[in-house]
N, C-alpha and C. Protein backbone atom coordinates (compact mmCIF):
# COMPACT_ATOMS: atom_id res chain seq x y z
N MET A 1 31.54 297.63 -71.23
CA MET A 1 30.68 296.35 -71.43
C MET A 1 32.07 295.53 -71.31
N ILE A 2 32.18 294.72 -70.95
CA ILE A 2 33.21 293.04 -71.09
C ILE A 2 32.62 292.73 -72.35
N LYS A 3 33.36 292.10 -73.56
CA LYS A 3 32.95 291.64 -74.65
C LYS A 3 32.59 290.30 -74.39
N GLU A 4 33.70 289.53 -73.61
CA GLU A 4 33.13 288.20 -73.48
C GLU A 4 32.34 287.70 -72.27
N VAL A 5 31.76 286.76 -72.49
CA VAL A 5 30.71 286.48 -71.70
C VAL A 5 31.32 285.43 -70.45
N ILE A 6 30.90 285.79 -69.43
CA ILE A 6 31.42 285.24 -68.01
C ILE A 6 30.44 284.13 -68.06
N VAL A 7 31.39 282.48 -67.22
CA VAL A 7 31.10 281.59 -67.09
C VAL A 7 30.98 281.75 -65.70
N VAL A 8 29.74 281.16 -65.13
CA VAL A 8 29.78 281.15 -63.61
C VAL A 8 28.74 279.59 -63.25
N GLU A 9 28.88 279.27 -61.91
CA GLU A 9 27.93 277.89 -61.88
C GLU A 9 26.51 278.37 -61.36
N GLY A 10 26.49 279.35 -60.63
CA GLY A 10 24.76 279.45 -60.16
C GLY A 10 24.29 281.07 -60.36
N ARG A 11 23.02 281.05 -60.29
CA ARG A 11 22.26 282.29 -59.85
C ARG A 11 22.92 283.06 -59.19
N ASP A 12 23.12 283.27 -57.84
CA ASP A 12 23.67 283.57 -56.99
C ASP A 12 25.26 284.06 -57.76
N ASP A 13 25.79 283.03 -58.09
CA ASP A 13 26.88 283.91 -58.54
C ASP A 13 26.65 284.82 -59.82
N LEU A 14 25.82 284.40 -60.82
CA LEU A 14 25.83 285.46 -61.79
C LEU A 14 25.19 286.77 -61.28
N ILE A 15 24.30 286.91 -60.06
CA ILE A 15 23.55 288.05 -59.69
C ILE A 15 24.96 289.20 -58.81
N LYS A 16 25.89 288.07 -58.60
CA LYS A 16 27.03 289.12 -58.02
C LYS A 16 28.23 289.31 -59.05
N VAL A 17 28.23 288.67 -60.04
CA VAL A 17 29.47 289.02 -60.87
C VAL A 17 28.82 290.22 -61.95
N LYS A 18 27.31 290.09 -62.16
CA LYS A 18 26.65 291.40 -62.93
C LYS A 18 26.62 292.46 -61.74
N GLN A 19 26.62 292.33 -60.50
CA GLN A 19 26.47 293.70 -59.79
C GLN A 19 28.03 293.97 -59.85
N ALA A 20 28.97 293.72 -60.14
CA ALA A 20 30.35 294.07 -59.76
C ALA A 20 30.83 294.28 -61.32
N VAL A 21 30.58 294.05 -62.29
CA VAL A 21 30.81 294.30 -63.48
C VAL A 21 30.03 294.26 -64.33
N ASP A 22 29.81 295.24 -65.66
CA ASP A 22 29.20 295.30 -66.58
C ASP A 22 29.66 294.24 -67.90
N CYS A 23 28.84 293.18 -67.77
CA CYS A 23 28.86 291.74 -68.52
C CYS A 23 27.33 291.23 -68.27
N GLU A 24 28.06 289.86 -69.87
CA GLU A 24 26.86 289.62 -70.04
C GLU A 24 27.62 288.05 -69.21
N ALA A 25 26.54 287.07 -68.89
CA ALA A 25 27.19 285.98 -67.89
C ALA A 25 26.11 284.73 -68.16
N ILE A 26 26.37 283.79 -67.92
CA ILE A 26 25.68 282.58 -68.18
C ILE A 26 26.05 281.43 -66.84
N THR A 27 25.17 280.75 -66.67
CA THR A 27 25.35 279.87 -65.72
C THR A 27 25.15 278.30 -66.12
N THR A 28 26.23 277.77 -65.62
CA THR A 28 26.25 275.68 -65.79
C THR A 28 25.21 275.50 -64.91
N HIS A 29 24.93 276.06 -64.01
CA HIS A 29 23.83 275.31 -62.99
C HIS A 29 24.53 274.06 -62.37
N GLY A 30 25.59 274.06 -62.02
CA GLY A 30 26.71 272.77 -60.98
C GLY A 30 27.03 272.26 -62.35
N PHE A 31 27.68 270.96 -62.11
CA PHE A 31 28.54 269.92 -62.83
C PHE A 31 27.44 269.45 -63.91
N GLY A 32 26.31 269.25 -63.91
CA GLY A 32 25.20 268.21 -64.76
C GLY A 32 24.83 268.85 -65.78
N PHE A 33 25.51 269.40 -65.97
CA PHE A 33 25.70 270.38 -67.64
C PHE A 33 25.56 269.45 -68.73
N GLY A 34 25.33 269.75 -70.08
CA GLY A 34 25.16 268.29 -70.65
C GLY A 34 25.95 269.11 -71.97
N GLU A 35 25.95 268.49 -73.35
CA GLU A 35 26.19 268.93 -74.69
C GLU A 35 25.81 270.18 -75.02
N LYS A 36 24.37 270.44 -74.62
CA LYS A 36 23.85 271.13 -75.39
C LYS A 36 24.23 272.58 -74.82
N LEU A 37 24.28 272.59 -73.41
CA LEU A 37 25.13 274.26 -73.05
C LEU A 37 26.73 273.92 -73.54
N LEU A 38 27.28 272.88 -73.62
CA LEU A 38 28.66 273.57 -74.19
C LEU A 38 28.69 273.73 -75.98
N ASN A 39 27.88 273.37 -76.26
CA ASN A 39 27.57 273.73 -77.90
C ASN A 39 26.98 275.12 -77.78
N GLU A 40 26.72 275.45 -76.93
CA GLU A 40 25.89 277.05 -76.75
C GLU A 40 27.21 277.83 -76.39
N LEU A 41 28.20 277.44 -75.47
CA LEU A 41 29.01 278.53 -74.99
C LEU A 41 30.37 278.07 -76.42
N LYS A 42 30.41 277.10 -76.63
CA LYS A 42 30.94 277.04 -78.15
C LYS A 42 30.99 278.40 -79.11
N GLU A 43 29.73 278.41 -79.25
CA GLU A 43 28.99 279.52 -80.11
C GLU A 43 29.38 280.73 -79.63
N ILE A 44 28.59 280.71 -78.14
CA ILE A 44 29.46 282.23 -77.92
C ILE A 44 30.82 282.47 -77.97
N GLU A 45 31.49 281.38 -77.86
CA GLU A 45 32.96 282.25 -77.62
C GLU A 45 33.77 282.51 -79.20
N LYS A 46 32.81 281.50 -79.98
CA LYS A 46 33.02 282.07 -81.13
C LYS A 46 32.76 283.43 -81.45
N ALA A 47 31.75 284.31 -80.96
CA ALA A 47 31.26 285.35 -81.39
C ALA A 47 31.67 286.40 -80.37
N ARG A 48 32.05 286.20 -79.09
CA ARG A 48 32.38 287.02 -77.97
C ARG A 48 33.51 286.85 -77.40
N GLY A 49 34.00 285.45 -76.77
CA GLY A 49 34.75 284.88 -76.32
C GLY A 49 34.26 284.54 -74.78
N LEU A 50 35.04 283.67 -74.01
CA LEU A 50 34.83 283.12 -72.53
C LEU A 50 35.53 283.44 -71.67
N ILE A 51 35.12 283.88 -70.11
CA ILE A 51 36.00 284.00 -69.22
C ILE A 51 35.53 283.29 -68.14
N ILE A 52 36.04 281.91 -67.85
CA ILE A 52 35.25 280.81 -66.77
C ILE A 52 35.75 281.66 -65.55
N LEU A 53 34.71 281.38 -64.72
CA LEU A 53 34.59 282.13 -63.11
C LEU A 53 33.82 281.37 -62.58
N THR A 54 34.60 280.02 -62.18
CA THR A 54 34.04 279.20 -61.41
C THR A 54 34.43 278.87 -59.66
N ASP A 55 33.44 278.29 -58.73
CA ASP A 55 33.86 278.67 -57.42
C ASP A 55 35.27 277.82 -57.29
N PRO A 56 35.88 278.21 -55.97
CA PRO A 56 37.27 277.81 -55.79
C PRO A 56 37.31 276.52 -54.91
N ASP A 57 36.55 275.46 -55.37
CA ASP A 57 36.25 273.98 -55.00
C ASP A 57 36.48 273.24 -55.86
N TYR A 58 36.46 272.03 -55.29
CA TYR A 58 36.75 270.91 -55.99
C TYR A 58 35.54 270.72 -57.36
N GLU A 59 33.95 270.77 -56.76
CA GLU A 59 33.01 271.02 -58.00
C GLU A 59 33.29 272.24 -59.02
N GLY A 60 33.87 273.48 -58.80
CA GLY A 60 34.47 274.74 -59.50
C GLY A 60 35.13 273.75 -60.76
N LYS A 61 36.52 273.21 -60.03
CA LYS A 61 37.52 272.86 -60.60
C LYS A 61 36.93 271.91 -61.60
N ARG A 62 36.17 271.06 -61.43
CA ARG A 62 35.73 270.14 -62.41
C ARG A 62 35.09 270.56 -63.71
N ILE A 63 34.10 271.74 -62.92
CA ILE A 63 33.35 272.38 -64.10
C ILE A 63 34.32 273.10 -64.83
N ARG A 64 35.46 273.77 -64.52
CA ARG A 64 36.71 274.73 -65.22
C ARG A 64 37.33 273.37 -66.27
N LYS A 65 37.48 272.58 -66.08
CA LYS A 65 38.21 271.72 -66.61
C LYS A 65 37.23 270.90 -67.80
N ARG A 66 36.02 270.57 -67.18
CA ARG A 66 35.21 270.21 -68.48
C ARG A 66 35.04 271.26 -69.79
N ILE A 67 34.76 272.30 -69.31
CA ILE A 67 34.67 273.29 -70.39
C ILE A 67 35.89 273.66 -71.18
N GLU A 68 36.83 273.96 -70.37
CA GLU A 68 38.30 273.66 -71.18
C GLU A 68 38.79 272.72 -71.61
N ASP A 69 38.36 271.78 -71.43
CA ASP A 69 38.61 270.63 -72.10
C ASP A 69 37.87 270.49 -73.47
N PHE A 70 36.48 271.40 -74.08
CA PHE A 70 35.69 271.59 -74.59
C PHE A 70 35.94 272.60 -75.42
N ILE A 71 36.58 273.38 -74.77
CA ILE A 71 36.64 274.85 -75.03
C ILE A 71 38.04 275.92 -75.15
N PRO A 72 38.87 275.04 -75.33
CA PRO A 72 40.41 275.66 -74.91
C PRO A 72 40.79 276.78 -75.11
N THR A 73 40.04 277.28 -76.03
CA THR A 73 40.58 279.46 -76.00
C THR A 73 40.09 280.05 -75.26
N ALA A 74 39.15 279.88 -74.10
CA ALA A 74 38.28 280.47 -72.83
C ALA A 74 39.57 280.91 -71.97
N LYS A 75 39.16 282.09 -71.47
CA LYS A 75 40.15 282.85 -70.79
C LYS A 75 39.52 282.11 -69.47
N HIS A 76 40.32 282.35 -68.14
CA HIS A 76 40.17 282.26 -66.77
C HIS A 76 40.14 283.04 -66.17
N ALA A 77 39.57 283.12 -64.81
CA ALA A 77 39.35 284.03 -63.85
C ALA A 77 39.34 283.60 -62.64
N PHE A 78 40.28 283.72 -62.07
CA PHE A 78 40.24 282.77 -60.52
C PHE A 78 40.05 283.92 -59.26
N ILE A 79 39.33 283.21 -58.36
CA ILE A 79 39.25 283.74 -57.05
C ILE A 79 39.90 282.96 -55.86
N GLU A 80 40.73 283.12 -55.05
CA GLU A 80 40.88 282.38 -53.77
C GLU A 80 40.18 282.20 -52.85
N ARG A 81 40.39 280.68 -52.17
CA ARG A 81 39.48 280.20 -51.75
C ARG A 81 39.06 281.41 -50.34
N GLU A 82 40.22 281.39 -49.68
CA GLU A 82 40.19 282.81 -48.96
C GLU A 82 39.11 283.96 -49.24
N ASP A 83 39.43 284.32 -49.76
CA ASP A 83 38.46 285.63 -50.78
C ASP A 83 37.16 285.44 -51.07
N ALA A 84 36.59 283.85 -51.53
CA ALA A 84 35.55 283.46 -51.59
C ALA A 84 34.81 282.34 -50.57
N SER A 85 35.16 282.89 -49.41
CA SER A 85 34.81 281.67 -48.24
C SER A 85 33.75 283.05 -47.40
N ARG A 86 32.66 282.31 -46.94
CA ARG A 86 31.79 282.99 -45.68
C ARG A 86 31.20 281.81 -45.21
N LYS A 87 31.50 281.43 -43.40
CA LYS A 87 31.05 280.82 -42.78
C LYS A 87 31.06 279.19 -43.58
N GLY A 88 31.94 278.83 -43.80
CA GLY A 88 32.48 277.80 -44.05
C GLY A 88 32.01 277.45 -45.78
N ASN A 89 31.08 278.31 -46.25
CA ASN A 89 30.49 278.08 -47.23
C ASN A 89 31.86 278.80 -48.80
N ILE A 90 31.87 278.20 -49.28
CA ILE A 90 33.10 278.83 -50.44
C ILE A 90 32.06 278.85 -51.79
N GLY A 91 32.59 280.40 -52.76
CA GLY A 91 32.03 279.87 -53.42
C GLY A 91 31.80 281.53 -54.27
N VAL A 92 31.56 282.32 -55.42
CA VAL A 92 32.47 283.30 -56.32
C VAL A 92 31.01 284.18 -55.42
N GLU A 93 30.05 283.90 -55.25
CA GLU A 93 29.16 284.40 -54.84
C GLU A 93 29.06 285.18 -53.05
N ASN A 94 30.50 284.42 -52.48
CA ASN A 94 30.52 285.12 -51.35
C ASN A 94 31.84 285.94 -51.66
N ALA A 95 32.35 286.55 -52.62
CA ALA A 95 33.65 286.97 -53.04
C ALA A 95 33.26 288.54 -52.83
N SER A 96 33.73 289.60 -52.73
CA SER A 96 33.50 290.65 -52.46
C SER A 96 33.61 291.09 -54.18
N ALA A 97 32.86 292.48 -54.44
CA ALA A 97 32.62 292.91 -55.82
C ALA A 97 34.04 293.33 -56.49
N GLU A 98 35.09 293.93 -55.25
CA GLU A 98 36.26 294.04 -55.88
C GLU A 98 36.70 293.24 -56.64
N GLU A 99 36.91 292.03 -55.53
CA GLU A 99 37.57 290.89 -55.51
C GLU A 99 37.38 290.02 -56.59
N ILE A 100 35.80 289.93 -57.19
CA ILE A 100 35.52 289.75 -58.75
C ILE A 100 36.00 290.53 -59.52
N ARG A 101 35.65 291.89 -59.48
CA ARG A 101 36.60 292.92 -60.67
C ARG A 101 38.08 292.68 -60.81
N ARG A 102 38.71 292.26 -59.57
CA ARG A 102 40.26 291.97 -60.34
C ARG A 102 40.36 290.80 -60.88
N ALA A 103 39.52 289.84 -60.42
CA ALA A 103 40.03 288.19 -60.80
C ALA A 103 39.56 288.07 -62.01
N ILE A 104 38.46 288.87 -62.34
CA ILE A 104 38.43 289.27 -64.12
C ILE A 104 38.80 290.28 -64.91
N GLU A 105 39.88 291.35 -64.26
CA GLU A 105 40.42 292.00 -64.73
C GLU A 105 41.98 291.42 -65.37
N ARG A 106 42.62 290.04 -64.44
CA ARG A 106 43.59 289.35 -64.39
C ARG A 106 43.36 288.30 -65.93
N ALA A 107 42.34 288.25 -65.88
CA ALA A 107 41.80 287.29 -67.07
C ALA A 107 42.10 288.08 -68.33
N ARG A 108 41.85 289.55 -68.63
CA ARG A 108 42.50 290.35 -69.61
C ARG A 108 41.06 290.54 -70.47
N PRO A 109 40.32 290.92 -70.30
CA PRO A 109 38.83 290.70 -71.11
C PRO A 109 38.94 292.19 -72.00
N VAL A 110 38.31 291.97 -72.71
CA VAL A 110 38.15 292.96 -73.84
C VAL A 110 37.51 293.94 -73.19
N LEU A 111 37.05 295.24 -73.59
CA LEU A 111 36.31 296.19 -73.03
C LEU A 111 35.51 296.32 -74.74
N GLN A 112 34.01 296.93 -74.62
CA GLN A 112 33.38 297.19 -75.80
C GLN A 112 32.29 298.43 -75.76
N ASP A 113 32.01 299.78 -76.42
CA ASP A 113 30.77 300.05 -76.19
C ASP A 113 29.81 299.22 -76.88
N VAL A 114 28.78 299.64 -76.43
CA VAL A 114 27.71 298.33 -76.53
C VAL A 114 26.21 299.79 -76.91
N LYS A 115 26.09 299.88 -78.00
CA LYS A 115 24.78 300.17 -79.16
C LYS A 115 23.38 299.53 -79.14
N GLU A 116 22.80 300.45 -78.01
CA GLU A 116 21.40 299.61 -78.00
C GLU A 116 21.03 299.98 -79.60
N THR A 117 20.62 298.61 -80.49
CA THR A 117 20.18 298.49 -81.40
C THR A 117 18.74 298.35 -81.11
N PHE A 118 18.21 297.63 -80.82
CA PHE A 118 16.80 297.13 -79.83
C PHE A 118 16.23 297.24 -78.76
N THR A 119 15.09 298.05 -78.68
CA THR A 119 14.50 298.70 -77.13
C THR A 119 13.41 297.13 -76.66
N LYS A 120 12.98 297.48 -75.76
CA LYS A 120 11.97 296.89 -74.84
C LYS A 120 10.72 296.78 -75.87
N GLY A 121 10.32 297.99 -76.35
CA GLY A 121 9.21 298.25 -77.07
C GLY A 121 9.49 297.27 -78.42
N ASP A 122 10.87 297.17 -78.95
CA ASP A 122 10.87 296.35 -80.45
C ASP A 122 10.58 294.41 -80.11
N LEU A 123 10.93 294.63 -79.09
CA LEU A 123 10.72 293.04 -78.71
C LEU A 123 9.31 292.72 -78.18
N PHE A 124 9.02 293.24 -78.01
CA PHE A 124 7.34 293.48 -77.32
C PHE A 124 6.42 293.60 -78.96
N SER A 125 6.82 294.08 -80.00
CA SER A 125 6.04 294.44 -81.09
C SER A 125 6.27 293.24 -81.83
N LEU A 126 7.37 292.43 -81.60
CA LEU A 126 7.97 291.57 -82.53
C LEU A 126 7.01 289.80 -82.10
N GLY A 127 6.40 290.31 -80.57
CA GLY A 127 5.64 288.93 -79.85
C GLY A 127 7.10 288.36 -79.31
N LEU A 128 8.22 288.74 -78.76
CA LEU A 128 9.07 288.03 -77.72
C LEU A 128 9.25 288.36 -76.34
N ILE A 129 8.11 289.32 -75.69
CA ILE A 129 7.72 289.48 -74.63
C ILE A 129 6.98 289.95 -74.61
N GLY A 130 6.22 289.42 -73.34
CA GLY A 130 4.54 290.37 -72.86
C GLY A 130 3.57 289.72 -74.10
N GLY A 131 3.90 288.39 -74.72
CA GLY A 131 2.51 287.93 -75.07
C GLY A 131 2.55 286.30 -75.40
N PRO A 132 1.52 285.84 -75.20
CA PRO A 132 1.12 284.43 -74.77
C PRO A 132 2.41 283.06 -75.43
N ASN A 133 2.88 283.72 -76.60
CA ASN A 133 4.13 282.52 -77.27
C ASN A 133 5.36 283.12 -77.00
N SER A 134 5.13 284.11 -76.54
CA SER A 134 6.45 284.99 -76.31
C SER A 134 7.93 284.01 -75.77
N ALA A 135 8.06 283.01 -74.97
CA ALA A 135 8.64 282.39 -74.30
C ALA A 135 9.04 281.02 -75.20
N GLU A 136 8.02 280.74 -75.92
CA GLU A 136 8.43 279.50 -77.26
C GLU A 136 9.28 280.73 -78.53
N LYS A 137 8.91 281.61 -78.73
CA LYS A 137 9.61 282.64 -79.86
C LYS A 137 10.83 282.85 -79.09
N ARG A 138 11.10 283.03 -78.31
CA ARG A 138 12.39 283.35 -77.72
C ARG A 138 13.46 282.10 -77.82
N ASN A 139 12.95 280.92 -77.30
CA ASN A 139 13.72 279.85 -77.41
C ASN A 139 13.98 279.45 -78.79
N ARG A 140 13.31 279.92 -79.24
CA ARG A 140 13.09 279.36 -80.94
C ARG A 140 14.10 280.46 -81.60
N LEU A 141 14.16 281.58 -81.15
CA LEU A 141 15.35 282.50 -81.72
C LEU A 141 16.53 282.51 -80.76
N SER A 142 16.54 281.99 -79.47
CA SER A 142 17.85 281.61 -79.15
C SER A 142 18.96 280.66 -80.06
N LYS A 143 17.99 279.95 -80.80
CA LYS A 143 18.35 278.47 -81.20
C LYS A 143 19.10 279.10 -82.62
N ILE A 144 18.10 279.72 -83.27
CA ILE A 144 18.83 280.24 -84.48
C ILE A 144 19.69 281.40 -84.70
N LEU A 145 19.85 282.47 -83.73
CA LEU A 145 21.00 282.91 -83.26
C LEU A 145 22.40 282.63 -82.70
N LYS A 146 22.07 281.57 -82.03
CA LYS A 146 23.38 280.99 -81.29
C LYS A 146 23.22 281.70 -80.38
N ILE A 147 22.46 282.30 -79.22
CA ILE A 147 22.93 283.04 -78.19
C ILE A 147 22.27 282.78 -76.68
N GLY A 148 22.41 281.46 -77.04
CA GLY A 148 22.26 280.87 -75.70
C GLY A 148 20.66 281.00 -75.17
N HIS A 149 19.99 280.12 -73.99
CA HIS A 149 18.84 280.01 -73.57
C HIS A 149 18.57 281.51 -72.81
N VAL A 150 17.38 282.54 -73.07
CA VAL A 150 17.38 283.45 -72.77
C VAL A 150 15.70 283.93 -71.96
N ASN A 151 15.96 284.73 -71.23
CA ASN A 151 14.46 285.19 -71.08
C ASN A 151 14.15 286.75 -71.40
N GLY A 152 13.28 287.43 -71.32
CA GLY A 152 12.93 288.69 -72.25
C GLY A 152 14.16 289.45 -71.72
N LYS A 153 14.66 290.12 -70.34
CA LYS A 153 15.21 290.75 -70.45
C LYS A 153 16.83 290.54 -71.00
N SER A 154 17.28 289.13 -70.84
CA SER A 154 18.60 288.64 -71.37
C SER A 154 18.75 288.30 -72.95
N LEU A 155 17.22 288.59 -73.34
CA LEU A 155 17.41 288.46 -74.81
C LEU A 155 17.57 290.01 -75.55
N HIS A 156 17.21 291.14 -74.80
CA HIS A 156 17.14 292.23 -75.37
C HIS A 156 18.64 292.73 -74.72
N SER A 157 19.41 292.32 -74.01
CA SER A 157 20.85 292.44 -73.20
C SER A 157 21.58 291.85 -74.45
N ARG A 158 21.55 290.06 -74.83
CA ARG A 158 22.40 289.62 -75.56
C ARG A 158 22.09 290.33 -77.16
N LEU A 159 20.78 290.65 -77.55
CA LEU A 159 20.84 291.00 -78.80
C LEU A 159 21.55 292.19 -79.01
N ASN A 160 21.94 293.13 -78.20
CA ASN A 160 22.63 294.25 -78.22
C ASN A 160 23.85 294.53 -77.84
N SER A 161 24.41 293.40 -76.97
CA SER A 161 25.77 292.98 -76.72
C SER A 161 26.32 292.22 -78.08
N PHE A 162 25.57 291.21 -78.38
CA PHE A 162 26.17 290.52 -79.46
C PHE A 162 26.38 291.29 -80.72
N GLY A 163 25.98 292.37 -81.24
CA GLY A 163 25.97 292.87 -82.25
C GLY A 163 25.24 292.00 -83.20
N ILE A 164 23.89 291.81 -82.94
CA ILE A 164 22.96 291.11 -84.04
C ILE A 164 22.27 292.79 -84.45
N THR A 165 22.31 292.01 -85.92
CA THR A 165 21.82 293.24 -86.90
C THR A 165 20.03 293.33 -87.00
N ARG A 166 19.58 294.36 -87.15
CA ARG A 166 18.21 294.40 -87.30
C ARG A 166 17.68 293.08 -88.62
N GLU A 167 18.64 293.11 -89.88
CA GLU A 167 18.51 292.50 -90.92
C GLU A 167 18.49 290.57 -90.21
N GLU A 168 19.48 290.61 -89.26
CA GLU A 168 19.18 289.08 -88.85
C GLU A 168 18.45 288.91 -87.81
N LEU A 169 17.77 289.93 -87.35
CA LEU A 169 16.70 289.76 -86.49
C LEU A 169 15.40 289.10 -87.19
N VAL A 170 15.40 290.15 -88.58
CA VAL A 170 14.24 289.99 -89.11
C VAL A 170 13.97 288.94 -89.85
N LYS A 171 15.03 288.30 -89.97
CA LYS A 171 15.23 287.25 -91.33
C LYS A 171 15.43 285.94 -89.74
N ALA A 172 15.40 286.13 -88.73
CA ALA A 172 15.18 285.12 -87.84
C ALA A 172 13.97 284.99 -88.03
N MET A 173 13.23 286.17 -87.51
CA MET A 173 11.88 286.20 -87.23
C MET A 173 11.08 285.73 -88.42
N GLU A 174 11.32 285.79 -89.25
CA GLU A 174 10.43 285.21 -90.58
C GLU A 174 10.77 283.83 -90.42
N GLU A 175 12.04 283.18 -90.42
CA GLU A 175 12.28 281.96 -90.29
C GLU A 175 10.90 281.41 -89.24
N ILE A 176 11.08 281.79 -88.06
CA ILE A 176 10.02 281.21 -87.00
C ILE A 176 8.49 281.50 -87.18
N GLU A 177 8.04 282.73 -88.00
CA GLU A 177 6.96 283.13 -88.29
C GLU A 177 6.61 281.40 -89.42
N ASN A 178 7.57 281.28 -90.51
CA ASN A 178 7.49 280.50 -92.04
C ASN A 178 7.26 278.67 -90.97
N GLU A 179 7.43 278.49 -89.65
CA GLU A 179 7.49 277.10 -89.01
C GLU A 179 5.91 276.58 -88.98
């Protein structure tokens, strides 16, 4: 698995990148993101590192520059326009899996083995998935652990890939329960 988290623009890019490489990825949802996402990305950069992979178009360059200005230590992966174009549409989601892999390899990612410390059963028993207030608990937990906004599936993945310990999770859950 790639240690760094890959930053992409949208949901289709995220799906395509995760099909191409074993990684965590996060979306900006276009150019309209704010300080909240930038601060989350800064925390992720400190913990794991970032690789920015935006579309090879004007908006993609603006997003890349905005993140780079805030987080100058982030790595960059690039796909050429002709390799990310289909029927006049330019975007990472149009690139082949092989082209995405090559772009990310050129950014020189760090590879790591991920040990599954937490199971989905653990998350269920803690009320982080499958319960009436699970989304609220996940949102609070992601803020405490500084792992970015998560759904149940991404929480499971990030807890394991970010190297969160059981002690850290228990302490964060106690903080949530005591609020």
